[in-house]
C-alpha cells in the first residue's frame, strides 16, 4: 500500500508514504486506495496527511478532486493536513485550497472535525 491508515476517535487517517507522487502507476494505485477508504468510511470522517510528500503531479490533484466530490456526495467529512509550503502553493494556484478543507497540522485537523462553518452552520 502507498497509504498507511489508522483510526483515531472515529477519524480514518491516511498517511501518504511516498515523498514524490509523480508516477502514473503510483497515482492510479493511490487513487484506488483513496476510493476504497472513501467507500469504507461513507458518512464518516477522513483525514489525508501529506506530511512526507514534497512533490505531487497535477494528475494527483485531479484524483483528490474526485475523492472530495465522492466524499461530499456520501456526506463524508474530508480534510487534508501537513501540506508542505510547495504543495500548499500548488493548491492555492489551482484554487483547490478554496474547495478542500486544509489544516496546518494533524492535531488541528482532528480538533476541527464536526465543527460547522459559517454564520448559518453550513
PDB file of N, CA and C in Angstrom:
ATOM      1  N   UNK A   1       0.828  -1.187   0.000  1.00  0.00           N
ATOM      2  CA  UNK A   1       0.000   0.000   0.000  1.00  0.00           C
ATOM      3  C   UNK A   1       0.867   1.242   0.000  1.00  0.00           C
ATOM      4  N   UNK A   2       0.373   2.254  -0.654  1.00  0.00           N
ATOM      5  CA  UNK A   2       1.057   3.536  -0.694  1.00  0.00           C
ATOM      6  C   UNK A   2       0.504   4.487   0.362  1.00  0.00           C
ATOM      7  N   UNK A   3      -0.510   4.022   1.072  1.00  0.00           N
ATOM      8  CA  UNK A   3      -1.094   4.777   2.174  1.00  0.00           C
ATOM      9  C   UNK A   3      -1.016   3.938   3.433  1.00  0.00           C
ATOM     10  N   UNK A   4      -0.681   4.576   4.521  1.00  0.00           N
ATOM     11  CA  UNK A   4      -0.810   3.920   5.823  1.00  0.00           C
ATOM     12  C   UNK A   4      -2.095   4.466   6.423  1.00  0.00           C
ATOM     13  N   UNK A   5      -2.930   3.586   6.930  1.00  0.00           N
ATOM     14  CA  UNK A   5      -4.175   4.041   7.528  1.00  0.00           C
ATOM     15  C   UNK A   5      -4.211   3.675   9.004  1.00  0.00           C
ATOM     16  N   UNK A   6      -4.825   4.561   9.760  1.00  0.00           N
ATOM     17  CA  UNK A   6      -5.044   4.311  11.181  1.00  0.00           C
ATOM     18  C   UNK A   6      -6.316   5.037  11.569  1.00  0.00           C
ATOM     19  N   UNK A   7      -6.957   4.549  12.600  1.00  0.00           N
ATOM     20  CA  UNK A   7      -8.198   5.161  13.070  1.00  0.00           C
ATOM     21  C   UNK A   7      -7.923   5.863  14.392  1.00  0.00           C
ATOM     22  N   UNK A   8      -8.472   7.072  14.531  1.00  0.00           N
ATOM     23  CA  UNK A   8      -8.305   7.829  15.772  1.00  0.00           C
ATOM     24  C   UNK A   8      -9.626   8.506  16.111  1.00  0.00           C
ATOM     25  N   UNK A   9     -10.280   8.027  17.152  1.00  0.00           N
ATOM     26  CA  UNK A   9     -11.529   8.597  17.647  1.00  0.00           C
ATOM     27  C   UNK A   9     -12.549   8.838  16.534  1.00  0.00           C
ATOM     28  N   UNK A  10     -12.744   7.831  15.719  1.00  0.00           N
ATOM     29  CA  UNK A  10     -13.748   7.901  14.662  1.00  0.00           C
ATOM     30  C   UNK A  10     -13.290   8.559  13.373  1.00  0.00           C
ATOM     31  N   UNK A  11     -12.025   8.928  13.290  1.00  0.00           N
ATOM     32  CA  UNK A  11     -11.477   9.537  12.078  1.00  0.00           C
ATOM     33  C   UNK A  11     -10.505   8.554  11.436  1.00  0.00           C
ATOM     34  N   UNK A  12     -10.702   8.267  10.153  1.00  0.00           N
ATOM     35  CA  UNK A  12      -9.762   7.431   9.413  1.00  0.00           C
ATOM     36  C   UNK A  12      -8.664   8.340   8.886  1.00  0.00           C
ATOM     37  N   UNK A  13      -7.446   8.125   9.367  1.00  0.00           N
ATOM     38  CA  UNK A  13      -6.301   8.936   8.968  1.00  0.00           C
ATOM     39  C   UNK A  13      -5.505   8.160   7.928  1.00  0.00           C
ATOM     40  N   UNK A  14      -5.269   8.796   6.794  1.00  0.00           N
ATOM     41  CA  UNK A  14      -4.488   8.192   5.712  1.00  0.00           C
ATOM     42  C   UNK A  14      -3.204   8.996   5.560  1.00  0.00           C
ATOM     43  N   UNK A  15      -2.063   8.332   5.771  1.00  0.00           N
ATOM     44  CA  UNK A  15      -0.763   8.982   5.681  1.00  0.00           C
ATOM     45  C   UNK A  15      -0.083   8.507   4.400  1.00  0.00           C
ATOM     46  N   UNK A  16       0.306   9.453   3.560  1.00  0.00           N
ATOM     47  CA  UNK A  16       0.998   9.109   2.317  1.00  0.00           C
ATOM     48  C   UNK A  16       2.432   8.714   2.640  1.00  0.00           C
ATOM     49  N   UNK A  17       2.889   7.610   2.063  1.00  0.00           N
ATOM     50  CA  UNK A  17       4.213   7.077   2.379  1.00  0.00           C
ATOM     51  C   UNK A  17       5.269   7.445   1.347  1.00  0.00           C
ATOM     52  N   UNK A  18       4.862   8.019   0.228  1.00  0.00           N
ATOM     53  CA  UNK A  18       5.813   8.379  -0.829  1.00  0.00           C
ATOM     54  C   UNK A  18       6.129   9.865  -0.776  1.00  0.00           C
ATOM     55  N   UNK A  19       7.400  10.208  -0.931  1.00  0.00           N
ATOM     56  CA  UNK A  19       7.812  11.601  -0.895  1.00  0.00           C
ATOM     57  C   UNK A  19       7.400  12.326  -2.171  1.00  0.00           C
ATOM     58  N   UNK A  20       7.452  11.627  -3.289  1.00  0.00           N
ATOM     59  CA  UNK A  20       7.090  12.220  -4.581  1.00  0.00           C
ATOM     60  C   UNK A  20       5.966  11.402  -5.197  1.00  0.00           C
ATOM     61  N   UNK A  21       4.897  12.083  -5.551  1.00  0.00           N
ATOM     62  CA  UNK A  21       3.752  11.430  -6.195  1.00  0.00           C
ATOM     63  C   UNK A  21       3.696  11.961  -7.621  1.00  0.00           C
ATOM     64  N   UNK A  22       4.496  11.337  -8.476  1.00  0.00           N
ATOM     65  CA  UNK A  22       4.641  11.801  -9.853  1.00  0.00           C
ATOM     66  C   UNK A  22       4.341  10.715 -10.877  1.00  0.00           C
ATOM     67  N   UNK A  23       4.633   9.471 -10.539  1.00  0.00           N
ATOM     68  CA  UNK A  23       4.496   8.347 -11.451  1.00  0.00           C
ATOM     69  C   UNK A  23       3.024   7.993 -11.665  1.00  0.00           C
ATOM     70  N   UNK A  24       2.631   7.802 -12.922  1.00  0.00           N
ATOM     71  CA  UNK A  24       1.236   7.495 -13.251  1.00  0.00           C
ATOM     72  C   UNK A  24       0.748   6.224 -12.567  1.00  0.00           C
ATOM     73  N   UNK A  25       1.583   5.206 -12.494  1.00  0.00           N
ATOM     74  CA  UNK A  25       1.201   3.962 -11.828  1.00  0.00           C
ATOM     75  C   UNK A  25       0.933   4.167 -10.343  1.00  0.00           C
ATOM     76  N   UNK A  26       1.793   4.942  -9.696  1.00  0.00           N
ATOM     77  CA  UNK A  26       1.600   5.247  -8.277  1.00  0.00           C
ATOM     78  C   UNK A  26       0.326   6.058  -8.061  1.00  0.00           C
ATOM     79  N   UNK A  27       0.086   7.003  -8.937  1.00  0.00           N
ATOM     80  CA  UNK A  27      -1.107   7.854  -8.815  1.00  0.00           C
ATOM     81  C   UNK A  27      -2.372   7.009  -8.943  1.00  0.00           C
ATOM     82  N   UNK A  28      -2.393   6.095  -9.885  1.00  0.00           N
ATOM     83  CA  UNK A  28      -3.571   5.218 -10.053  1.00  0.00           C
ATOM     84  C   UNK A  28      -3.749   4.324  -8.827  1.00  0.00           C
ATOM     85  N   UNK A  29      -2.641   3.828  -8.281  1.00  0.00           N
ATOM     86  CA  UNK A  29      -2.701   2.992  -7.087  1.00  0.00           C
ATOM     87  C   UNK A  29      -3.244   3.787  -5.903  1.00  0.00           C
ATOM     88  N   UNK A  30      -2.738   5.006  -5.718  1.00  0.00           N
ATOM     89  CA  UNK A  30      -3.227   5.868  -4.640  1.00  0.00           C
ATOM     90  C   UNK A  30      -4.701   6.216  -4.822  1.00  0.00           C
ATOM     91  N   UNK A  31      -5.089   6.496  -6.056  1.00  0.00           N
ATOM     92  CA  UNK A  31      -6.489   6.829  -6.332  1.00  0.00           C
ATOM     93  C   UNK A  31      -7.402   5.667  -5.962  1.00  0.00           C
ATOM     94  N   UNK A  32      -6.991   4.454  -6.267  1.00  0.00           N
ATOM     95  CA  UNK A  32      -7.780   3.274  -5.921  1.00  0.00           C
ATOM     96  C   UNK A  32      -7.844   3.092  -4.403  1.00  0.00           C
ATOM     97  N   UNK A  33      -6.713   3.272  -3.729  1.00  0.00           N
ATOM     98  CA  UNK A  33      -6.697   3.146  -2.269  1.00  0.00           C
ATOM     99  C   UNK A  33      -7.583   4.213  -1.625  1.00  0.00           C
ATOM    100  N   UNK A  34      -7.535   5.440  -2.127  1.00  0.00           N
ATOM    101  CA  UNK A  34      -8.379   6.508  -1.592  1.00  0.00           C
ATOM    102  C   UNK A  34      -9.855   6.233  -1.841  1.00  0.00           C
ATOM    103  N   UNK A  35     -10.167   5.690  -3.015  1.00  0.00           N
ATOM    104  CA  UNK A  35     -11.557   5.334  -3.319  1.00  0.00           C
ATOM    105  C   UNK A  35     -12.048   4.280  -2.340  1.00  0.00           C
ATOM    106  N   UNK A  36     -11.218   3.279  -2.068  1.00  0.00           N
ATOM    107  CA  UNK A  36     -11.596   2.221  -1.131  1.00  0.00           C
ATOM    108  C   UNK A  36     -11.812   2.783   0.276  1.00  0.00           C
ATOM    109  N   UNK A  37     -10.948   3.693   0.696  1.00  0.00           N
ATOM    110  CA  UNK A  37     -11.111   4.321   2.014  1.00  0.00           C
ATOM    111  C   UNK A  37     -12.421   5.126   2.050  1.00  0.00           C
ATOM    112  N   UNK A  38     -12.701   5.860   0.983  1.00  0.00           N
ATOM    113  CA  UNK A  38     -13.928   6.663   0.922  1.00  0.00           C
ATOM    114  C   UNK A  38     -15.166   5.780   0.982  1.00  0.00           C
ATOM    115  N   UNK A  39     -15.170   4.668   0.261  1.00  0.00           N
ATOM    116  CA  UNK A  39     -16.309   3.750   0.266  1.00  0.00           C
ATOM    117  C   UNK A  39     -16.475   3.125   1.650  1.00  0.00           C
ATOM    118  N   UNK A  40     -15.381   2.712   2.246  1.00  0.00           N
ATOM    119  CA  UNK A  40     -15.434   2.052   3.555  1.00  0.00           C
ATOM    120  C   UNK A  40     -15.845   3.010   4.676  1.00  0.00           C
ATOM    121  N   UNK A  41     -15.653   4.313   4.469  1.00  0.00           N
ATOM    122  CA  UNK A  41     -15.943   5.300   5.510  1.00  0.00           C
ATOM    123  C   UNK A  41     -17.070   6.239   5.107  1.00  0.00           C
ATOM    124  N   UNK A  42     -17.968   5.756   4.284  1.00  0.00           N
ATOM    125  CA  UNK A  42     -19.088   6.562   3.798  1.00  0.00           C
ATOM    126  C   UNK A  42     -19.847   7.154   4.994  1.00  0.00           C
ATOM    127  N   UNK A  43     -20.039   8.477   4.952  1.00  0.00           N
ATOM    128  CA  UNK A  43     -20.741   9.155   6.025  1.00  0.00           C
ATOM    129  C   UNK A  43     -19.875   9.417   7.253  1.00  0.00           C
ATOM    130  N   UNK A  44     -18.602   9.079   7.175  1.00  0.00           N
ATOM    131  CA  UNK A  44     -17.705   9.234   8.322  1.00  0.00           C
ATOM    132  C   UNK A  44     -16.773  10.420   8.180  1.00  0.00           C
ATOM    133  N   UNK A  45     -15.568  10.227   8.670  1.00  0.00           N
ATOM    134  CA  UNK A  45     -14.562  11.281   8.680  1.00  0.00           C
ATOM    135  C   UNK A  45     -13.236  10.719   8.191  1.00  0.00           C
ATOM    136  N   UNK A  46     -12.618  11.447   7.240  1.00  0.00           N
ATOM    137  CA  UNK A  46     -11.346  11.022   6.660  1.00  0.00           C
ATOM    138  C   UNK A  46     -10.372  12.185   6.706  1.00  0.00           C
ATOM    139  N   UNK A  47      -9.140  11.900   7.123  1.00  0.00           N
ATOM    140  CA  UNK A  47      -8.078  12.892   7.136  1.00  0.00           C
ATOM    141  C   UNK A  47      -6.925  12.385   6.280  1.00  0.00           C
ATOM    142  N   UNK A  48      -6.532  13.167   5.288  1.00  0.00           N
ATOM    143  CA  UNK A  48      -5.391  12.825   4.444  1.00  0.00           C
ATOM    144  C   UNK A  48      -4.184  13.623   4.920  1.00  0.00           C
ATOM    145  N   UNK A  49      -3.166  12.916   5.406  1.00  0.00           N
ATOM    146  CA  UNK A  49      -1.976  13.543   5.956  1.00  0.00           C
ATOM    147  C   UNK A  49      -0.852  13.485   4.920  1.00  0.00           C
ATOM    148  N   UNK A  50      -0.439  14.659   4.444  1.00  0.00           N
ATOM    149  CA  UNK A  50       0.588  14.767   3.413  1.00  0.00           C
ATOM    150  C   UNK A  50       1.964  15.080   4.002  1.00  0.00           C
ATOM    151  N   UNK A  51       2.181  14.762   5.277  1.00  0.00           N
ATOM    152  CA  UNK A  51       3.408  15.117   5.975  1.00  0.00           C
ATOM    153  C   UNK A  51       4.703  14.737   5.282  1.00  0.00           C
ATOM    154  N   UNK A  52       4.767  13.615   4.613  1.00  0.00           N
ATOM    155  CA  UNK A  52       6.010  13.186   3.980  1.00  0.00           C
ATOM    156  C   UNK A  52       6.107  13.524   2.504  1.00  0.00           C
ATOM    157  N   UNK A  53       5.095  14.180   1.946  1.00  0.00           N
ATOM    158  CA  UNK A  53       5.054  14.436   0.497  1.00  0.00           C
ATOM    159  C   UNK A  53       5.659  15.804   0.193  1.00  0.00           C
ATOM    160  N   UNK A  54       6.627  15.817  -0.729  1.00  0.00           N
ATOM    161  CA  UNK A  54       7.233  17.084  -1.123  1.00  0.00           C
ATOM    162  C   UNK A  54       6.844  17.509  -2.538  1.00  0.00           C
ATOM    163  N   UNK A  55       6.500  16.553  -3.397  1.00  0.00           N
ATOM    164  CA  UNK A  55       6.102  16.858  -4.770  1.00  0.00           C
ATOM    165  C   UNK A  55       4.901  16.013  -5.163  1.00  0.00           C
ATOM    166  N   UNK A  56       4.025  16.619  -5.989  1.00  0.00           N
ATOM    167  CA  UNK A  56       2.836  15.899  -6.451  1.00  0.00           C
ATOM    168  C   UNK A  56       2.482  16.417  -7.845  1.00  0.00           C
ATOM    169  N   UNK A  57       2.096  15.514  -8.736  1.00  0.00           N
ATOM    170  CA  UNK A  57       1.734  15.931 -10.087  1.00  0.00           C
ATOM    171  C   UNK A  57       0.307  16.463 -10.136  1.00  0.00           C
ATOM    172  N   UNK A  58       0.011  17.182 -11.202  1.00  0.00           N
ATOM    173  CA  UNK A  58      -1.338  17.722 -11.388  1.00  0.00           C
ATOM    174  C   UNK A  58      -2.353  16.592 -11.560  1.00  0.00           C
ATOM    175  N   UNK A  59      -1.925  15.453 -12.061  1.00  0.00           N
ATOM    176  CA  UNK A  59      -2.819  14.299 -12.197  1.00  0.00           C
ATOM    177  C   UNK A  59      -3.337  13.865 -10.825  1.00  0.00           C
ATOM    178  N   UNK A  60      -2.492  13.922  -9.818  1.00  0.00           N
ATOM    179  CA  UNK A  60      -2.911  13.558  -8.465  1.00  0.00           C
ATOM    180  C   UNK A  60      -3.899  14.580  -7.920  1.00  0.00           C
ATOM    181  N   UNK A  61      -3.738  15.843  -8.283  1.00  0.00           N
ATOM    182  CA  UNK A  61      -4.701  16.865  -7.866  1.00  0.00           C
ATOM    183  C   UNK A  61      -6.096  16.538  -8.393  1.00  0.00           C
ATOM    184  N   UNK A  62      -6.150  16.048  -9.614  1.00  0.00           N
ATOM    185  CA  UNK A  62      -7.426  15.628 -10.191  1.00  0.00           C
ATOM    186  C   UNK A  62      -8.042  14.476  -9.413  1.00  0.00           C
ATOM    187  N   UNK A  63      -7.217  13.533  -8.999  1.00  0.00           N
ATOM    188  CA  UNK A  63      -7.714  12.394  -8.209  1.00  0.00           C
ATOM    189  C   UNK A  63      -8.243  12.870  -6.856  1.00  0.00           C
ATOM    190  N   UNK A  64      -7.564  13.840  -6.249  1.00  0.00           N
ATOM    191  CA  UNK A  64      -8.030  14.385  -4.970  1.00  0.00           C
ATOM    192  C   UNK A  64      -9.358  15.111  -5.132  1.00  0.00           C
ATOM    193  N   UNK A  65      -9.514  15.805  -6.256  1.00  0.00           N
ATOM    194  CA  UNK A  65     -10.794  16.485  -6.530  1.00  0.00           C
ATOM    195  C   UNK A  65     -11.916  15.462  -6.643  1.00  0.00           C
ATOM    196  N   UNK A  66     -11.647  14.357  -7.310  1.00  0.00           N
ATOM    197  CA  UNK A  66     -12.646  13.295  -7.440  1.00  0.00           C
ATOM    198  C   UNK A  66     -13.016  12.727  -6.066  1.00  0.00           C
ATOM    199  N   UNK A  67     -12.018  12.448  -5.242  1.00  0.00           N
ATOM    200  CA  UNK A  67     -12.272  11.904  -3.902  1.00  0.00           C
ATOM    201  C   UNK A  67     -13.092  12.904  -3.084  1.00  0.00           C
ATOM    202  N   UNK A  68     -12.776  14.188  -3.209  1.00  0.00           N
ATOM    203  CA  UNK A  68     -13.523  15.217  -2.500  1.00  0.00           C
ATOM    204  C   UNK A  68     -15.002  15.212  -2.928  1.00  0.00           C
ATOM    205  N   UNK A  69     -15.248  15.127  -4.226  1.00  0.00           N
ATOM    206  CA  UNK A  69     -16.630  15.089  -4.728  1.00  0.00           C
ATOM    207  C   UNK A  69     -17.361  13.850  -4.231  1.00  0.00           C
ATOM    208  N   UNK A  70     -16.682  12.714  -4.236  1.00  0.00           N
ATOM    209  CA  UNK A  70     -17.289  11.479  -3.748  1.00  0.00           C
ATOM    210  C   UNK A  70     -17.636  11.610  -2.272  1.00  0.00           C
ATOM    211  N   UNK A  71     -16.725  12.164  -1.504  1.00  0.00           N
ATOM    212  CA  UNK A  71     -16.974  12.327  -0.068  1.00  0.00           C
ATOM    213  C   UNK A  71     -18.151  13.267   0.175  1.00  0.00           C
ATOM    214  N   UNK A  72     -18.218  14.359  -0.558  1.00  0.00           N
ATOM    215  CA  UNK A  72     -19.343  15.286  -0.391  1.00  0.00           C
ATOM    216  C   UNK A  72     -20.661  14.596  -0.727  1.00  0.00           C
ATOM    217  N   UNK A  73     -20.679  13.828  -1.804  1.00  0.00           N
ATOM    218  CA  UNK A  73     -21.887  13.117  -2.210  1.00  0.00           C
ATOM    219  C   UNK A  73     -22.304  12.096  -1.159  1.00  0.00           C
ATOM    220  N   UNK A  74     -21.335  11.499  -0.489  1.00  0.00           N
ATOM    221  CA  UNK A  74     -21.607  10.473   0.532  1.00  0.00           C
ATOM    222  C   UNK A  74     -21.714  11.060   1.941  1.00  0.00           C
ATOM    223  N   UNK A  75     -21.675  12.394   2.041  1.00  0.00           N
ATOM    224  CA  UNK A  75     -21.721  13.086   3.330  1.00  0.00           C
ATOM    225  C   UNK A  75     -20.593  12.636   4.261  1.00  0.00           C
ATOM    226  N   UNK A  76     -19.431  12.454   3.669  1.00  0.00           N
ATOM    227  CA  UNK A  76     -18.219  12.106   4.408  1.00  0.00           C
ATOM    228  C   UNK A  76     -17.409  13.383   4.592  1.00  0.00           C
ATOM    229  N   UNK A  77     -16.964  13.623   5.801  1.00  0.00           N
ATOM    230  CA  UNK A  77     -16.161  14.803   6.091  1.00  0.00           C
ATOM    231  C   UNK A  77     -14.708  14.498   5.726  1.00  0.00           C
ATOM    232  N   UNK A  78     -14.142  15.278   4.807  1.00  0.00           N
ATOM    233  CA  UNK A  78     -12.779  15.067   4.329  1.00  0.00           C
ATOM    234  C   UNK A  78     -11.934  16.296   4.647  1.00  0.00           C
ATOM    235  N   UNK A  79     -10.761  16.058   5.206  1.00  0.00           N
ATOM    236  CA  UNK A  79      -9.809  17.128   5.492  1.00  0.00           C
ATOM    237  C   UNK A  79      -8.416  16.684   5.064  1.00  0.00           C
ATOM    238  N   UNK A  80      -7.566  17.663   4.790  1.00  0.00           N
ATOM    239  CA  UNK A  80      -6.169  17.420   4.458  1.00  0.00           C
ATOM    240  C   UNK A  80      -5.308  18.154   5.471  1.00  0.00           C
ATOM    241  N   UNK A  81      -4.113  17.638   5.715  1.00  0.00           N
ATOM    242  CA  UNK A  81      -3.215  18.320   6.646  1.00  0.00           C
ATOM    243  C   UNK A  81      -1.760  18.083   6.274  1.00  0.00           C
ATOM    244  N   UNK A  82      -0.901  18.854   6.942  1.00  0.00           N
ATOM    245  CA  UNK A  82       0.555  18.739   6.817  1.00  0.00           C
ATOM    246  C   UNK A  82       1.055  18.907   5.389  1.00  0.00           C
ATOM    247  N   UNK A  83       0.466  19.861   4.662  1.00  0.00           N
ATOM    248  CA  UNK A  83       0.958  20.152   3.316  1.00  0.00           C
ATOM    249  C   UNK A  83       2.246  20.975   3.426  1.00  0.00           C
ATOM    250  N   UNK A  84       3.258  20.578   2.669  1.00  0.00           N
ATOM    251  CA  UNK A  84       4.486  21.378   2.620  1.00  0.00           C
ATOM    252  C   UNK A  84       4.148  22.720   1.967  1.00  0.00           C
ATOM    253  N   UNK A  85       5.017  23.697   2.138  1.00  0.00           N
ATOM    254  CA  UNK A  85       4.790  25.009   1.515  1.00  0.00           C
ATOM    255  C   UNK A  85       4.650  24.870   0.000  1.00  0.00           C
ATOM    256  N   UNK A  86       5.474  24.003  -0.585  1.00  0.00           N
ATOM    257  CA  UNK A  86       5.434  23.763  -2.025  1.00  0.00           C
ATOM    258  C   UNK A  86       4.066  23.226  -2.452  1.00  0.00           C
ATOM    259  N   UNK A  87       3.575  22.220  -1.740  1.00  0.00           N
ATOM    260  CA  UNK A  87       2.267  21.652  -2.080  1.00  0.00           C
ATOM    261  C   UNK A  87       1.150  22.657  -1.846  1.00  0.00           C
ATOM    262  N   UNK A  88       1.218  23.389  -0.742  1.00  0.00           N
ATOM    263  CA  UNK A  88       0.168  24.358  -0.463  1.00  0.00           C
ATOM    264  C   UNK A  88       0.111  25.424  -1.552  1.00  0.00           C
ATOM    265  N   UNK A  89       1.268  25.841  -2.069  1.00  0.00           N
ATOM    266  CA  UNK A  89       1.296  26.810  -3.171  1.00  0.00           C
ATOM    267  C   UNK A  89       0.578  26.265  -4.402  1.00  0.00           C
ATOM    268  N   UNK A  90       0.778  24.975  -4.685  1.00  0.00           N
ATOM    269  CA  UNK A  90       0.094  24.352  -5.829  1.00  0.00           C
ATOM    270  C   UNK A  90      -1.416  24.345  -5.597  1.00  0.00           C
ATOM    271  N   UNK A  91      -1.846  24.050  -4.387  1.00  0.00           N
ATOM    272  CA  UNK A  91      -3.267  24.049  -4.074  1.00  0.00           C
ATOM    273  C   UNK A  91      -3.849  25.461  -4.213  1.00  0.00           C
ATOM    274  N   UNK A  92      -3.060  26.469  -3.840  1.00  0.00           N
ATOM    275  CA  UNK A  92      -3.517  27.857  -3.972  1.00  0.00           C
ATOM    276  C   UNK A  92      -3.613  28.269  -5.436  1.00  0.00           C
ATOM    277  N   UNK A  93      -2.603  27.933  -6.220  1.00  0.00           N
ATOM    278  CA  UNK A  93      -2.587  28.293  -7.644  1.00  0.00           C
ATOM    279  C   UNK A  93      -3.771  27.682  -8.377  1.00  0.00           C
ATOM    280  N   UNK A  94      -4.108  26.461  -8.026  1.00  0.00           N
ATOM    281  CA  UNK A  94      -5.220  25.757  -8.685  1.00  0.00           C
ATOM    282  C   UNK A  94      -6.565  26.028  -8.013  1.00  0.00           C
ATOM    283  N   UNK A  95      -6.561  26.846  -6.959  1.00  0.00           N
ATOM    284  CA  UNK A  95      -7.759  27.207  -6.179  1.00  0.00           C
ATOM    285  C   UNK A  95      -8.359  26.023  -5.433  1.00  0.00           C
ATOM    286  N   UNK A  96      -7.624  24.939  -5.307  1.00  0.00           N
ATOM    287  CA  UNK A  96      -8.112  23.798  -4.540  1.00  0.00           C
ATOM    288  C   UNK A  96      -8.121  24.097  -3.042  1.00  0.00           C
ATOM    289  N   UNK A  97      -7.370  25.103  -2.627  1.00  0.00           N
ATOM    290  CA  UNK A  97      -7.408  25.490  -1.215  1.00  0.00           C
ATOM    291  C   UNK A  97      -8.768  26.065  -0.840  1.00  0.00           C
ATOM    292  N   UNK A  98      -9.544  26.506  -1.833  1.00  0.00           N
ATOM    293  CA  UNK A  98     -10.895  27.029  -1.601  1.00  0.00           C
ATOM    294  C   UNK A  98     -11.927  25.898  -1.557  1.00  0.00           C
ATOM    295  N   UNK A  99     -11.606  24.772  -2.180  1.00  0.00           N
ATOM    296  CA  UNK A  99     -12.530  23.645  -2.306  1.00  0.00           C
ATOM    297  C   UNK A  99     -12.299  22.593  -1.221  1.00  0.00           C
ATOM    298  N   UNK A 100     -11.043  22.346  -0.907  1.00  0.00           N
ATOM    299  CA  UNK A 100     -10.676  21.325   0.068  1.00  0.00           C
ATOM    300  C   UNK A 100     -10.462  21.961   1.433  1.00  0.00           C
ATOM    301  N   UNK A 101     -10.787  21.227   2.464  1.00  0.00           N
ATOM    302  CA  UNK A 101     -10.604  21.697   3.839  1.00  0.00           C
ATOM    303  C   UNK A 101      -9.190  21.314   4.271  1.00  0.00           C
ATOM    304  N   UNK A 102      -8.300  22.319   4.323  1.00  0.00           N
ATOM    305  CA  UNK A 102      -6.886  22.077   4.616  1.00  0.00           C
ATOM    306  C   UNK A 102      -6.540  22.667   5.973  1.00  0.00           C
ATOM    307  N   UNK A 103      -5.921  21.848   6.801  1.00  0.00           N
ATOM    308  CA  UNK A 103      -5.470  22.274   8.131  1.00  0.00           C
ATOM    309  C   UNK A 103      -3.951  22.197   8.183  1.00  0.00           C
ATOM    310  N   UNK A 104      -3.369  23.010   9.033  1.00  0.00           N
ATOM    311  CA  UNK A 104      -1.913  23.066   9.142  1.00  0.00           C
ATOM    312  C   UNK A 104      -1.328  21.763   9.682  1.00  0.00           C
ATOM    313  N   UNK A 105      -1.904  21.241  10.766  1.00  0.00           N
ATOM    314  CA  UNK A 105      -1.355  20.047  11.401  1.00  0.00           C
ATOM    315  C   UNK A 105      -2.439  18.984  11.574  1.00  0.00           C
ATOM    316  N   UNK A 106      -1.999  17.765  11.839  1.00  0.00           N
ATOM    317  CA  UNK A 106      -2.941  16.671  12.095  1.00  0.00           C
ATOM    318  C   UNK A 106      -3.765  16.965  13.345  1.00  0.00           C
ATOM    319  N   UNK A 107      -3.134  17.501  14.358  1.00  0.00           N
ATOM    320  CA  UNK A 107      -3.838  17.804  15.607  1.00  0.00           C
ATOM    321  C   UNK A 107      -4.959  18.817  15.384  1.00  0.00           C
ATOM    322  N   UNK A 108      -4.657  19.885  14.624  1.00  0.00           N
ATOM    323  CA  UNK A 108      -5.675  20.908  14.337  1.00  0.00           C
ATOM    324  C   UNK A 108      -6.797  20.322  13.486  1.00  0.00           C
ATOM    325  N   UNK A 109      -6.450  19.469  12.562  1.00  0.00           N
ATOM    326  CA  UNK A 109      -7.467  18.851  11.707  1.00  0.00           C
ATOM    327  C   UNK A 109      -8.389  17.964  12.539  1.00  0.00           C
ATOM    328  N   UNK A 110      -7.803  17.146  13.401  1.00  0.00           N
ATOM    329  CA  UNK A 110      -8.613  16.261  14.249  1.00  0.00           C
ATOM    330  C   UNK A 110      -9.538  17.070  15.151  1.00  0.00           C
ATOM    331  N   UNK A 111      -9.041  18.175  15.680  1.00  0.00           N
ATOM    332  CA  UNK A 111      -9.853  19.015  16.563  1.00  0.00           C
ATOM    333  C   UNK A 111     -10.979  19.716  15.816  1.00  0.00           C
ATOM    334  N   UNK A 112     -10.805  19.933  14.517  1.00  0.00           N
ATOM    335  CA  UNK A 112     -11.805  20.679  13.746  1.00  0.00           C
ATOM    336  C   UNK A 112     -12.934  19.812  13.189  1.00  0.00           C
ATOM    337  N   UNK A 113     -12.809  18.504  13.250  1.00  0.00           N
ATOM    338  CA  UNK A 113     -13.866  17.644  12.724  1.00  0.00           C
ATOM    339  C   UNK A 113     -15.162  17.888  13.479  1.00  0.00           C
ATOM    340  N   UNK A 114     -16.247  17.965  12.725  1.00  0.00           N
ATOM    341  CA  UNK A 114     -17.565  18.129  13.321  1.00  0.00           C
ATOM    342  C   UNK A 114     -17.948  19.561  13.608  1.00  0.00           C
ATOM    343  N   UNK A 115     -17.001  20.481  13.494  1.00  0.00           N
ATOM    344  CA  UNK A 115     -17.315  21.882  13.733  1.00  0.00           C
ATOM    345  C   UNK A 115     -17.904  22.478  12.457  1.00  0.00           C
ATOM    346  N   UNK A 116     -18.999  23.171  12.598  1.00  0.00           N
ATOM    347  CA  UNK A 116     -19.671  23.796  11.464  1.00  0.00           C
ATOM    348  C   UNK A 116     -18.988  25.106  11.114  1.00  0.00           C
ATOM    349  N   UNK A 117     -19.115  25.476   9.834  1.00  0.00           N
ATOM    350  CA  UNK A 117     -18.523  26.715   9.356  1.00  0.00           C
ATOM    351  C   UNK A 117     -19.615  27.704   8.983  1.00  0.00           C
ATOM    352  N   UNK A 118     -19.283  28.961   9.004  1.00  0.00           N
ATOM    353  CA  UNK A 118     -20.193  29.981   8.515  1.00  0.00           C
ATOM    354  C   UNK A 118     -21.220  30.414   9.543  1.00  0.00           C
ATOM    355  N   UNK A 119     -21.929  31.465   9.229  1.00  0.00           N
ATOM    356  CA  UNK A 119     -22.918  32.050  10.125  1.00  0.00           C
ATOM    357  C   UNK A 119     -24.102  31.145  10.361  1.00  0.00           C
ATOM    358  N   UNK A 120     -24.467  30.385   9.378  1.00  0.00           N
ATOM    359  CA  UNK A 120     -25.654  29.559   9.474  1.00  0.00           C
ATOM    360  C   UNK A 120     -25.326  28.080   9.691  1.00  0.00           C
ATOM    361  N   UNK A 121     -24.121  27.824  10.226  1.00  0.00           N
ATOM    362  CA  UNK A 121     -23.648  26.455  10.493  1.00  0.00           C
ATOM    363  C   UNK A 121     -23.609  25.596   9.234  1.00  0.00           C
ATOM    364  N   UNK A 122     -23.204  26.172   8.128  1.00  0.00           N
ATOM    365  CA  UNK A 122     -23.065  25.419   6.877  1.00  0.00           C
ATOM    366  C   UNK A 122     -21.683  24.860   6.798  1.00  0.00           C
TER     367      UNK A 122
END
